[in-house]
Amino acid sequence: PEYPWSRLMWYLAVPKHRPAWMRIDRLLGEHGIRRDNEAGRAEL
């Protein structure tokens, strides 16, 4: 996430810090991560 042009940092951020149009649930689901919470983002 330290690479400045990567959007992985947004996947790992809390929802209020992401762009309104961005959704990460599909990618989390493909990784088998069920919830967009602290534990789920830490697993990603």
ModelCIF file with pLDDT and N, C-alpha, C, O atoms, coordinates in Angstrom:
data_MODEL
#
_entry.id   MODEL 
#
_entity.id                         1 
_entity.type                       polymer 
_entity.pdbx_number_of_molecules   1 
#
_entity_poly.entity_id                      1 
_entity_poly.type                           'polypeptide(L)' 
_entity_poly.nstd_linkage                   no 
_entity_poly.nstd_monomer                   no 
_entity_poly.pdbx_seq_one_letter_code       PEYPWSRLMWYLAVPKHRPAWMRIDRLLGEHGIRRDNEAGRAEL 
_entity_poly.pdbx_seq_one_letter_code_can   PEYPWSRLMWYLAVPKHRPAWMRIDRLLGEHGIRRDNEAGRAEL 
_entity_poly.pdbx_strand_id                 A 
#
loop_
_entity_poly_seq.entity_id 
_entity_poly_seq.num 
_entity_poly_seq.mon_id 
_entity_poly_seq.hetero 
1 1  PRO n 
1 2  GLU n 
1 3  TYR n 
1 4  PRO n 
1 5  TRP n 
1 6  SER n 
1 7  ARG n 
1 8  LEU n 
1 9  MET n 
1 10 TRP n 
1 11 TYR n 
1 12 LEU n 
1 13 ALA n 
1 14 VAL n 
1 15 PRO n 
1 16 LYS n 
1 17 HIS n 
1 18 ARG n 
1 19 PRO n 
1 20 ALA n 
1 21 TRP n 
1 22 MET n 
1 23 ARG n 
1 24 ILE n 
1 25 ASP n 
1 26 ARG n 
1 27 LEU n 
1 28 LEU n 
1 29 GLY n 
1 30 GLU n 
1 31 HIS n 
1 32 GLY n 
1 33 ILE n 
1 34 ARG n 
1 35 ARG n 
1 36 ASP n 
1 37 ASN n 
1 38 GLU n 
1 39 ALA n 
1 40 GLY n 
1 41 ARG n 
1 42 ALA n 
1 43 GLU n 
1 44 LEU n 
#
_struct_asym.id          A 
_struct_asym.entity_id   1 
#
loop_
_ma_qa_metric.id 
_ma_qa_metric.mode 
_ma_qa_metric.name 
_ma_qa_metric.software_group_id 
_ma_qa_metric.type 
1 global pLDDT . pLDDT 
2 local  pLDDT . pLDDT 
#
_ma_qa_metric_global.metric_id      1 
_ma_qa_metric_global.metric_value   91.18 
_ma_qa_metric_global.model_id       1 
_ma_qa_metric_global.ordinal_id     1 
#
loop_
_ma_qa_metric_local.label_asym_id 
_ma_qa_metric_local.label_comp_id 
_ma_qa_metric_local.label_seq_id 
_ma_qa_metric_local.metric_id 
_ma_qa_metric_local.metric_value 
_ma_qa_metric_local.model_id 
_ma_qa_metric_local.ordinal_id 
A PRO 1  2 90.00 1 1  
A GLU 2  2 91.00 1 2  
A TYR 3  2 92.00 1 3  
A PRO 4  2 89.00 1 4  
A TRP 5  2 90.00 1 5  
A SER 6  2 88.00 1 6  
A ARG 7  2 89.00 1 7  
A LEU 8  2 92.00 1 8  
A MET 9  2 92.00 1 9  
A TRP 10 2 91.00 1 10 
A TYR 11 2 93.00 1 11 
A LEU 12 2 93.00 1 12 
A ALA 13 2 92.00 1 13 
A VAL 14 2 92.00 1 14 
A PRO 15 2 92.00 1 15 
A LYS 16 2 91.00 1 16 
A HIS 17 2 91.00 1 17 
A ARG 18 2 92.00 1 18 
A PRO 19 2 91.00 1 19 
A ALA 20 2 89.00 1 20 
A TRP 21 2 92.00 1 21 
A MET 22 2 90.00 1 22 
A ARG 23 2 88.00 1 23 
A ILE 24 2 90.00 1 24 
A ASP 25 2 90.00 1 25 
A ARG 26 2 88.00 1 26 
A LEU 27 2 90.00 1 27 
A LEU 28 2 91.00 1 28 
A GLY 29 2 90.00 1 29 
A GLU 30 2 89.00 1 30 
A HIS 31 2 90.00 1 31 
A GLY 32 2 90.00 1 32 
A ILE 33 2 92.00 1 33 
A ARG 34 2 90.00 1 34 
A ARG 35 2 92.00 1 35 
A ASP 36 2 92.00 1 36 
A ASN 37 2 93.00 1 37 
A GLU 38 2 93.00 1 38 
A ALA 39 2 94.00 1 39 
A GLY 40 2 93.00 1 40 
A ARG 41 2 93.00 1 41 
A ALA 42 2 94.00 1 42 
A GLU 43 2 94.00 1 43 
A LEU 44 2 94.00 1 44 
#
loop_
_atom_site.group_PDB 
_atom_site.id 
_atom_site.type_symbol 
_atom_site.label_atom_id 
_atom_site.label_alt_id 
_atom_site.label_comp_id 
_atom_site.label_asym_id 
_atom_site.label_entity_id 
_atom_site.label_seq_id 
_atom_site.pdbx_PDB_ins_code 
_atom_site.Cartn_x 
_atom_site.Cartn_y 
_atom_site.Cartn_z 
_atom_site.occupancy 
_atom_site.B_iso_or_equiv 
_atom_site.pdbx_formal_charge 
_atom_site.auth_seq_id 
_atom_site.auth_comp_id 
_atom_site.auth_asym_id 
_atom_site.auth_atom_id 
_atom_site.pdbx_PDB_model_num 
ATOM 1   N N  . PRO A 1 1  ? 0.806   -1.234  0.000  1.00 90.00 ? 1  PRO A N  1 
ATOM 2   C CA . PRO A 1 1  ? 0.000   0.000   0.000  1.00 90.00 ? 1  PRO A CA 1 
ATOM 3   C C  . PRO A 1 1  ? 0.836   1.280   0.000  1.00 90.00 ? 1  PRO A C  1 
ATOM 4   O O  . PRO A 1 1  ? 0.295   2.364   -0.220 1.00 90.00 ? 1  PRO A O  1 
ATOM 5   N N  . GLU A 1 2  ? 2.131   1.174   0.241  1.00 91.00 ? 2  GLU A N  1 
ATOM 6   C CA . GLU A 1 2  ? 2.977   2.361   0.266  1.00 91.00 ? 2  GLU A CA 1 
ATOM 7   C C  . GLU A 1 2  ? 3.292   2.890   -1.120 1.00 91.00 ? 2  GLU A C  1 
ATOM 8   O O  . GLU A 1 2  ? 3.736   4.028   -1.266 1.00 91.00 ? 2  GLU A O  1 
ATOM 9   N N  . TYR A 1 3  ? 3.065   2.066   -2.148 1.00 92.00 ? 3  TYR A N  1 
ATOM 10  C CA . TYR A 1 3  ? 3.268   2.573   -3.507 1.00 92.00 ? 3  TYR A CA 1 
ATOM 11  C C  . TYR A 1 3  ? 2.193   3.631   -3.778 1.00 92.00 ? 3  TYR A C  1 
ATOM 12  O O  . TYR A 1 3  ? 1.004   3.326   -3.690 1.00 92.00 ? 3  TYR A O  1 
ATOM 13  N N  . PRO A 1 4  ? 2.587   4.870   -4.107 1.00 89.00 ? 4  PRO A N  1 
ATOM 14  C CA . PRO A 1 4  ? 1.614   5.978   -4.143 1.00 89.00 ? 4  PRO A CA 1 
ATOM 15  C C  . PRO A 1 4  ? 0.539   5.861   -5.206 1.00 89.00 ? 4  PRO A C  1 
ATOM 16  O O  . PRO A 1 4  ? -0.538  6.436   -5.051 1.00 89.00 ? 4  PRO A O  1 
ATOM 17  N N  . TRP A 1 5  ? 0.804   5.123   -6.294 1.00 90.00 ? 5  TRP A N  1 
ATOM 18  C CA . TRP A 1 5  ? -0.187  5.057   -7.370 1.00 90.00 ? 5  TRP A CA 1 
ATOM 19  C C  . TRP A 1 5  ? -1.037  3.794   -7.308 1.00 90.00 ? 5  TRP A C  1 
ATOM 20  O O  . TRP A 1 5  ? -1.837  3.543   -8.210 1.00 90.00 ? 5  TRP A O  1 
ATOM 21  N N  . SER A 1 6  ? -0.876  3.004   -6.263 1.00 88.00 ? 6  SER A N  1 
ATOM 22  C CA . SER A 1 6  ? -1.685  1.805   -6.104 1.00 88.00 ? 6  SER A CA 1 
ATOM 23  C C  . SER A 1 6  ? -2.989  2.136   -5.387 1.00 88.00 ? 6  SER A C  1 
ATOM 24  O O  . SER A 1 6  ? -3.022  2.998   -4.508 1.00 88.00 ? 6  SER A O  1 
ATOM 25  N N  . ARG A 1 7  ? -4.057  1.449   -5.764 1.00 89.00 ? 7  ARG A N  1 
ATOM 26  C CA . ARG A 1 7  ? -5.334  1.643   -5.090 1.00 89.00 ? 7  ARG A CA 1 
ATOM 27  C C  . ARG A 1 7  ? -5.583  0.565   -4.047 1.00 89.00 ? 7  ARG A C  1 
ATOM 28  O O  . ARG A 1 7  ? -6.669  0.487   -3.473 1.00 89.00 ? 7  ARG A O  1 
ATOM 29  N N  . LEU A 1 8  ? -4.584  -0.258  -3.807 1.00 92.00 ? 8  LEU A N  1 
ATOM 30  C CA . LEU A 1 8  ? -4.720  -1.251  -2.751 1.00 92.00 ? 8  LEU A CA 1 
ATOM 31  C C  . LEU A 1 8  ? -4.944  -0.561  -1.410 1.00 92.00 ? 8  LEU A C  1 
ATOM 32  O O  . LEU A 1 8  ? -5.624  -1.099  -0.536 1.00 92.00 ? 8  LEU A O  1 
ATOM 33  N N  . MET A 1 9  ? -4.375  0.622   -1.252 1.00 92.00 ? 9  MET A N  1 
ATOM 34  C CA . MET A 1 9  ? -4.553  1.366   0.009  1.00 92.00 ? 9  MET A CA 1 
ATOM 35  C C  . MET A 1 9  ? -6.026  1.649   0.281  1.00 92.00 ? 9  MET A C  1 
ATOM 36  O O  . MET A 1 9  ? -6.446  1.700   1.437  1.00 92.00 ? 9  MET A O  1 
ATOM 37  N N  . TRP A 1 10 ? -6.826  1.836   -0.801 1.00 91.00 ? 10 TRP A N  1 
ATOM 38  C CA . TRP A 1 10 ? -8.250  2.090   -0.617 1.00 91.00 ? 10 TRP A CA 1 
ATOM 39  C C  . TRP A 1 10 ? -8.988  0.810   -0.214 1.00 91.00 ? 10 TRP A C  1 
ATOM 40  O O  . TRP A 1 10 ? -9.951  0.848   0.551  1.00 91.00 ? 10 TRP A O  1 
ATOM 41  N N  . TYR A 1 11 ? -8.518  -0.324  -0.744 1.00 93.00 ? 11 TYR A N  1 
ATOM 42  C CA . TYR A 1 11 ? -9.130  -1.599  -0.347 1.00 93.00 ? 11 TYR A CA 1 
ATOM 43  C C  . TYR A 1 11 ? -8.908  -1.867  1.136  1.00 93.00 ? 11 TYR A C  1 
ATOM 44  O O  . TYR A 1 11 ? -9.730  -2.517  1.782  1.00 93.00 ? 11 TYR A O  1 
ATOM 45  N N  . LEU A 1 12 ? -7.810  -1.373  1.670  1.00 93.00 ? 12 LEU A N  1 
ATOM 46  C CA . LEU A 1 12 ? -7.464  -1.629  3.063  1.00 93.00 ? 12 LEU A CA 1 
ATOM 47  C C  . LEU A 1 12 ? -7.954  -0.526  3.995  1.00 93.00 ? 12 LEU A C  1 
ATOM 48  O O  . LEU A 1 12 ? -7.788  -0.625  5.210  1.00 93.00 ? 12 LEU A O  1 
ATOM 49  N N  . ALA A 1 13 ? -8.555  0.519   3.438  1.00 92.00 ? 13 ALA A N  1 
ATOM 50  C CA . ALA A 1 13 ? -9.035  1.638   4.253  1.00 92.00 ? 13 ALA A CA 1 
ATOM 51  C C  . ALA A 1 13 ? -10.461 1.392   4.737  1.00 92.00 ? 13 ALA A C  1 
ATOM 52  O O  . ALA A 1 13 ? -11.186 0.574   4.169  1.00 92.00 ? 13 ALA A O  1 
ATOM 53  N N  . VAL A 1 14 ? -10.850 2.098   5.777  1.00 92.00 ? 14 VAL A N  1 
ATOM 54  C CA . VAL A 1 14 ? -12.234 2.007   6.248  1.00 92.00 ? 14 VAL A CA 1 
ATOM 55  C C  . VAL A 1 14 ? -13.145 2.649   5.204  1.00 92.00 ? 14 VAL A C  1 
ATOM 56  O O  . VAL A 1 14 ? -12.699 3.534   4.473  1.00 92.00 ? 14 VAL A O  1 
ATOM 57  N N  . PRO A 1 15 ? -14.392 2.235   5.116  1.00 92.00 ? 15 PRO A N  1 
ATOM 58  C CA . PRO A 1 15 ? -15.290 2.709   4.064  1.00 92.00 ? 15 PRO A CA 1 
ATOM 59  C C  . PRO A 1 15 ? -15.367 4.224   3.925  1.00 92.00 ? 15 PRO A C  1 
ATOM 60  O O  . PRO A 1 15 ? -15.438 4.722   2.801  1.00 92.00 ? 15 PRO A O  1 
ATOM 61  N N  . LYS A 1 16 ? -15.355 4.970   5.016  1.00 91.00 ? 16 LYS A N  1 
ATOM 62  C CA . LYS A 1 16 ? -15.518 6.420   4.923  1.00 91.00 ? 16 LYS A CA 1 
ATOM 63  C C  . LYS A 1 16 ? -14.323 7.109   4.265  1.00 91.00 ? 16 LYS A C  1 
ATOM 64  O O  . LYS A 1 16 ? -14.430 8.265   3.856  1.00 91.00 ? 16 LYS A O  1 
ATOM 65  N N  . HIS A 1 17 ? -13.206 6.429   4.160  1.00 91.00 ? 17 HIS A N  1 
ATOM 66  C CA . HIS A 1 17 ? -12.014 7.000   3.526  1.00 91.00 ? 17 HIS A CA 1 
ATOM 67  C C  . HIS A 1 17 ? -11.854 6.571   2.072  1.00 91.00 ? 17 HIS A C  1 
ATOM 68  O O  . HIS A 1 17 ? -10.865 6.922   1.429  1.00 91.00 ? 17 HIS A O  1 
ATOM 69  N N  . ARG A 1 18 ? -12.811 5.819   1.554  1.00 92.00 ? 18 ARG A N  1 
ATOM 70  C CA . ARG A 1 18 ? -12.767 5.397   0.154  1.00 92.00 ? 18 ARG A CA 1 
ATOM 71  C C  . ARG A 1 18 ? -13.656 6.302   -0.692 1.00 92.00 ? 18 ARG A C  1 
ATOM 72  O O  . ARG A 1 18 ? -14.555 6.953   -0.160 1.00 92.00 ? 18 ARG A O  1 
ATOM 73  N N  . PRO A 1 19 ? -13.418 6.353   -2.008 1.00 91.00 ? 19 PRO A N  1 
ATOM 74  C CA . PRO A 1 19 ? -14.348 7.061   -2.902 1.00 91.00 ? 19 PRO A CA 1 
ATOM 75  C C  . PRO A 1 19 ? -15.741 6.451   -2.810 1.00 91.00 ? 19 PRO A C  1 
ATOM 76  O O  . PRO A 1 19 ? -15.880 5.244   -2.611 1.00 91.00 ? 19 PRO A O  1 
ATOM 77  N N  . ALA A 1 20 ? -16.742 7.254   -2.951 1.00 89.00 ? 20 ALA A N  1 
ATOM 78  C CA . ALA A 1 20 ? -18.119 6.783   -2.793 1.00 89.00 ? 20 ALA A CA 1 
ATOM 79  C C  . ALA A 1 20 ? -18.491 5.716   -3.814 1.00 89.00 ? 20 ALA A C  1 
ATOM 80  O O  . ALA A 1 20 ? -19.312 4.842   -3.536 1.00 89.00 ? 20 ALA A O  1 
ATOM 81  N N  . TRP A 1 21 ? -17.878 5.790   -5.015 1.00 92.00 ? 21 TRP A N  1 
ATOM 82  C CA . TRP A 1 21 ? -18.244 4.854   -6.077 1.00 92.00 ? 21 TRP A CA 1 
ATOM 83  C C  . TRP A 1 21 ? -17.537 3.503   -5.951 1.00 92.00 ? 21 TRP A C  1 
ATOM 84  O O  . TRP A 1 21 ? -17.892 2.555   -6.651 1.00 92.00 ? 21 TRP A O  1 
ATOM 85  N N  . MET A 1 22 ? -16.559 3.408   -5.082 1.00 90.00 ? 22 MET A N  1 
ATOM 86  C CA . MET A 1 22 ? -15.734 2.201   -5.021 1.00 90.00 ? 22 MET A CA 1 
ATOM 87  C C  . MET A 1 22 ? -16.380 1.130   -4.148 1.00 90.00 ? 22 MET A C  1 
ATOM 88  O O  . MET A 1 22 ? -16.844 1.404   -3.041 1.00 90.00 ? 22 MET A O  1 
ATOM 89  N N  . ARG A 1 23 ? -16.401 -0.102  -4.673 1.00 88.00 ? 23 ARG A N  1 
ATOM 90  C CA . ARG A 1 23 ? -16.896 -1.235  -3.899 1.00 88.00 ? 23 ARG A CA 1 
ATOM 91  C C  . ARG A 1 23 ? -15.820 -2.323  -3.899 1.00 88.00 ? 23 ARG A C  1 
ATOM 92  O O  . ARG A 1 23 ? -15.179 -2.579  -4.918 1.00 88.00 ? 23 ARG A O  1 
ATOM 93  N N  . ILE A 1 24 ? -15.635 -2.953  -2.750 1.00 90.00 ? 24 ILE A N  1 
ATOM 94  C CA . ILE A 1 24 ? -14.577 -3.953  -2.632 1.00 90.00 ? 24 ILE A CA 1 
ATOM 95  C C  . ILE A 1 24 ? -15.122 -5.327  -2.262 1.00 90.00 ? 24 ILE A C  1 
ATOM 96  O O  . ILE A 1 24 ? -14.361 -6.283  -2.113 1.00 90.00 ? 24 ILE A O  1 
ATOM 97  N N  . ASP A 1 25 ? -16.442 -5.422  -2.113 1.00 90.00 ? 25 ASP A N  1 
ATOM 98  C CA . ASP A 1 25 ? -17.022 -6.674  -1.641 1.00 90.00 ? 25 ASP A CA 1 
ATOM 99  C C  . ASP A 1 25 ? -16.788 -7.834  -2.602 1.00 90.00 ? 25 ASP A C  1 
ATOM 100 O O  . ASP A 1 25 ? -16.622 -8.974  -2.167 1.00 90.00 ? 25 ASP A O  1 
ATOM 101 N N  . ARG A 1 26 ? -16.773 -7.552  -3.915 1.00 88.00 ? 26 ARG A N  1 
ATOM 102 C CA . ARG A 1 26 ? -16.593 -8.636  -4.884 1.00 88.00 ? 26 ARG A CA 1 
ATOM 103 C C  . ARG A 1 26 ? -15.191 -9.230  -4.800 1.00 88.00 ? 26 ARG A C  1 
ATOM 104 O O  . ARG A 1 26 ? -15.019 -10.448 -4.850 1.00 88.00 ? 26 ARG A O  1 
ATOM 105 N N  . LEU A 1 27 ? -14.183 -8.352  -4.673 1.00 90.00 ? 27 LEU A N  1 
ATOM 106 C CA . LEU A 1 27 ? -12.819 -8.861  -4.551 1.00 90.00 ? 27 LEU A CA 1 
ATOM 107 C C  . LEU A 1 27 ? -12.622 -9.591  -3.233 1.00 90.00 ? 27 LEU A C  1 
ATOM 108 O O  . LEU A 1 27 ? -11.981 -10.642 -3.195 1.00 90.00 ? 27 LEU A O  1 
ATOM 109 N N  . LEU A 1 28 ? -13.165 -9.045  -2.151 1.00 91.00 ? 28 LEU A N  1 
ATOM 110 C CA . LEU A 1 28 ? -13.076 -9.728  -0.866 1.00 91.00 ? 28 LEU A CA 1 
ATOM 111 C C  . LEU A 1 28 ? -13.734 -11.112 -0.958 1.00 91.00 ? 28 LEU A C  1 
ATOM 112 O O  . LEU A 1 28 ? -13.206 -12.097 -0.441 1.00 91.00 ? 28 LEU A O  1 
ATOM 113 N N  . GLY A 1 29 ? -14.881 -11.170 -1.617 1.00 90.00 ? 29 GLY A N  1 
ATOM 114 C CA . GLY A 1 29 ? -15.589 -12.438 -1.774 1.00 90.00 ? 29 GLY A CA 1 
ATOM 115 C C  . GLY A 1 29 ? -14.771 -13.464 -2.540 1.00 90.00 ? 29 GLY A C  1 
ATOM 116 O O  . GLY A 1 29 ? -14.776 -14.646 -2.197 1.00 90.00 ? 29 GLY A O  1 
ATOM 117 N N  . GLU A 1 30 ? -14.062 -13.016 -3.583 1.00 89.00 ? 30 GLU A N  1 
ATOM 118 C CA . GLU A 1 30 ? -13.240 -13.943 -4.363 1.00 89.00 ? 30 GLU A CA 1 
ATOM 119 C C  . GLU A 1 30 ? -12.058 -14.450 -3.546 1.00 89.00 ? 30 GLU A C  1 
ATOM 120 O O  . GLU A 1 30 ? -11.514 -15.518 -3.830 1.00 89.00 ? 30 GLU A O  1 
ATOM 121 N N  . HIS A 1 31 ? -11.664 -13.689 -2.537 1.00 90.00 ? 31 HIS A N  1 
ATOM 122 C CA . HIS A 1 31 ? -10.610 -14.135 -1.628 1.00 90.00 ? 31 HIS A CA 1 
ATOM 123 C C  . HIS A 1 31 ? -11.175 -14.977 -0.481 1.00 90.00 ? 31 HIS A C  1 
ATOM 124 O O  . HIS A 1 31 ? -10.426 -15.470 0.362  1.00 90.00 ? 31 HIS A O  1 
ATOM 125 N N  . GLY A 1 32 ? -12.485 -15.135 -0.455 1.00 90.00 ? 32 GLY A N  1 
ATOM 126 C CA . GLY A 1 32 ? -13.105 -15.893 0.622  1.00 90.00 ? 32 GLY A CA 1 
ATOM 127 C C  . GLY A 1 32 ? -13.271 -15.096 1.898  1.00 90.00 ? 32 GLY A C  1 
ATOM 128 O O  . GLY A 1 32 ? -13.488 -15.668 2.967  1.00 90.00 ? 32 GLY A O  1 
ATOM 129 N N  . ILE A 1 33 ? -13.170 -13.769 1.796  1.00 92.00 ? 33 ILE A N  1 
ATOM 130 C CA . ILE A 1 33 ? -13.327 -12.899 2.960  1.00 92.00 ? 33 ILE A CA 1 
ATOM 131 C C  . ILE A 1 33 ? -14.762 -12.388 2.971  1.00 92.00 ? 33 ILE A C  1 
ATOM 132 O O  . ILE A 1 33 ? -15.187 -11.719 2.029  1.00 92.00 ? 33 ILE A O  1 
ATOM 133 N N  . ARG A 1 34 ? -15.508 -12.694 4.022  1.00 90.00 ? 34 ARG A N  1 
ATOM 134 C CA . ARG A 1 34 ? -16.943 -12.450 4.015  1.00 90.00 ? 34 ARG A CA 1 
ATOM 135 C C  . ARG A 1 34 ? -17.336 -11.026 4.379  1.00 90.00 ? 34 ARG A C  1 
ATOM 136 O O  . ARG A 1 34 ? -18.372 -10.540 3.925  1.00 90.00 ? 34 ARG A O  1 
ATOM 137 N N  . ARG A 1 35 ? -16.528 -10.348 5.190  1.00 92.00 ? 35 ARG A N  1 
ATOM 138 C CA . ARG A 1 35 ? -16.953 -9.036  5.682  1.00 92.00 ? 35 ARG A CA 1 
ATOM 139 C C  . ARG A 1 35 ? -15.910 -7.964  5.430  1.00 92.00 ? 35 ARG A C  1 
ATOM 140 O O  . ARG A 1 35 ? -14.705 -8.203  5.503  1.00 92.00 ? 35 ARG A O  1 
ATOM 141 N N  . ASP A 1 36 ? -16.414 -6.777  5.130  1.00 92.00 ? 36 ASP A N  1 
ATOM 142 C CA . ASP A 1 36 ? -15.557 -5.606  4.963  1.00 92.00 ? 36 ASP A CA 1 
ATOM 143 C C  . ASP A 1 36 ? -15.384 -4.948  6.327  1.00 92.00 ? 36 ASP A C  1 
ATOM 144 O O  . ASP A 1 36 ? -15.913 -3.868  6.588  1.00 92.00 ? 36 ASP A O  1 
ATOM 145 N N  . ASN A 1 37 ? -14.630 -5.626  7.189  1.00 93.00 ? 37 ASN A N  1 
ATOM 146 C CA . ASN A 1 37 ? -14.357 -5.071  8.513  1.00 93.00 ? 37 ASN A CA 1 
ATOM 147 C C  . ASN A 1 37 ? -12.846 -5.092  8.751  1.00 93.00 ? 37 ASN A C  1 
ATOM 148 O O  . ASN A 1 37 ? -12.081 -5.441  7.852  1.00 93.00 ? 37 ASN A O  1 
ATOM 149 N N  . GLU A 1 38 ? -12.425 -4.729  9.932  1.00 93.00 ? 38 GLU A N  1 
ATOM 150 C CA . GLU A 1 38 ? -10.995 -4.642  10.220 1.00 93.00 ? 38 GLU A CA 1 
ATOM 151 C C  . GLU A 1 38 ? -10.295 -5.986  10.019 1.00 93.00 ? 38 GLU A C  1 
ATOM 152 O O  . GLU A 1 38 ? -9.204  -6.053  9.452  1.00 93.00 ? 38 GLU A O  1 
ATOM 153 N N  . ALA A 1 39 ? -10.933 -7.041  10.489 1.00 94.00 ? 39 ALA A N  1 
ATOM 154 C CA . ALA A 1 39 ? -10.331 -8.367  10.350 1.00 94.00 ? 39 ALA A CA 1 
ATOM 155 C C  . ALA A 1 39 ? -10.248 -8.789  8.884  1.00 94.00 ? 39 ALA A C  1 
ATOM 156 O O  . ALA A 1 39 ? -9.248  -9.362  8.450  1.00 94.00 ? 39 ALA A O  1 
ATOM 157 N N  . GLY A 1 40 ? -11.313 -8.499  8.121  1.00 93.00 ? 40 GLY A N  1 
ATOM 158 C CA . GLY A 1 40 ? -11.319 -8.859  6.703  1.00 93.00 ? 40 GLY A CA 1 
ATOM 159 C C  . GLY A 1 40 ? -10.265 -8.116  5.918  1.00 93.00 ? 40 GLY A C  1 
ATOM 160 O O  . GLY A 1 40 ? -9.569  -8.705  5.091  1.00 93.00 ? 40 GLY A O  1 
ATOM 161 N N  . ARG A 1 41 ? -10.143 -6.822  6.172  1.00 93.00 ? 41 ARG A N  1 
ATOM 162 C CA . ARG A 1 41 ? -9.142  -6.024  5.453  1.00 93.00 ? 41 ARG A CA 1 
ATOM 163 C C  . ARG A 1 41 ? -7.722  -6.434  5.854  1.00 93.00 ? 41 ARG A C  1 
ATOM 164 O O  . ARG A 1 41 ? -6.815  -6.422  5.021  1.00 93.00 ? 41 ARG A O  1 
ATOM 165 N N  . ALA A 1 42 ? -7.530  -6.790  7.107  1.00 94.00 ? 42 ALA A N  1 
ATOM 166 C CA . ALA A 1 42 ? -6.217  -7.253  7.561  1.00 94.00 ? 42 ALA A CA 1 
ATOM 167 C C  . ALA A 1 42 ? -5.844  -8.573  6.878  1.00 94.00 ? 42 ALA A C  1 
ATOM 168 O O  . ALA A 1 42 ? -4.678  -8.804  6.557  1.00 94.00 ? 42 ALA A O  1 
ATOM 169 N N  . GLU A 1 43 ? -6.831  -9.427  6.662  1.00 94.00 ? 43 GLU A N  1 
ATOM 170 C CA . GLU A 1 43 ? -6.582  -10.692 5.974  1.00 94.00 ? 43 GLU A CA 1 
ATOM 171 C C  . GLU A 1 43 ? -6.186  -10.464 4.519  1.00 94.00 ? 43 GLU A C  1 
ATOM 172 O O  . GLU A 1 43 ? -5.285  -11.126 4.003  1.00 94.00 ? 43 GLU A O  1 
ATOM 173 N N  . LEU A 1 44 ? -6.866  -9.520  3.857  1.00 94.00 ? 44 LEU A N  1 
ATOM 174 C CA . LEU A 1 44 ? -6.505  -9.187  2.477  1.00 94.00 ? 44 LEU A CA 1 
ATOM 175 C C  . LEU A 1 44 ? -5.079  -8.653  2.416  1.00 94.00 ? 44 LEU A C  1 
ATOM 176 O O  . LEU A 1 44 ? -4.591  -8.317  1.337  1.00 94.00 ? 44 LEU A O  1 
#
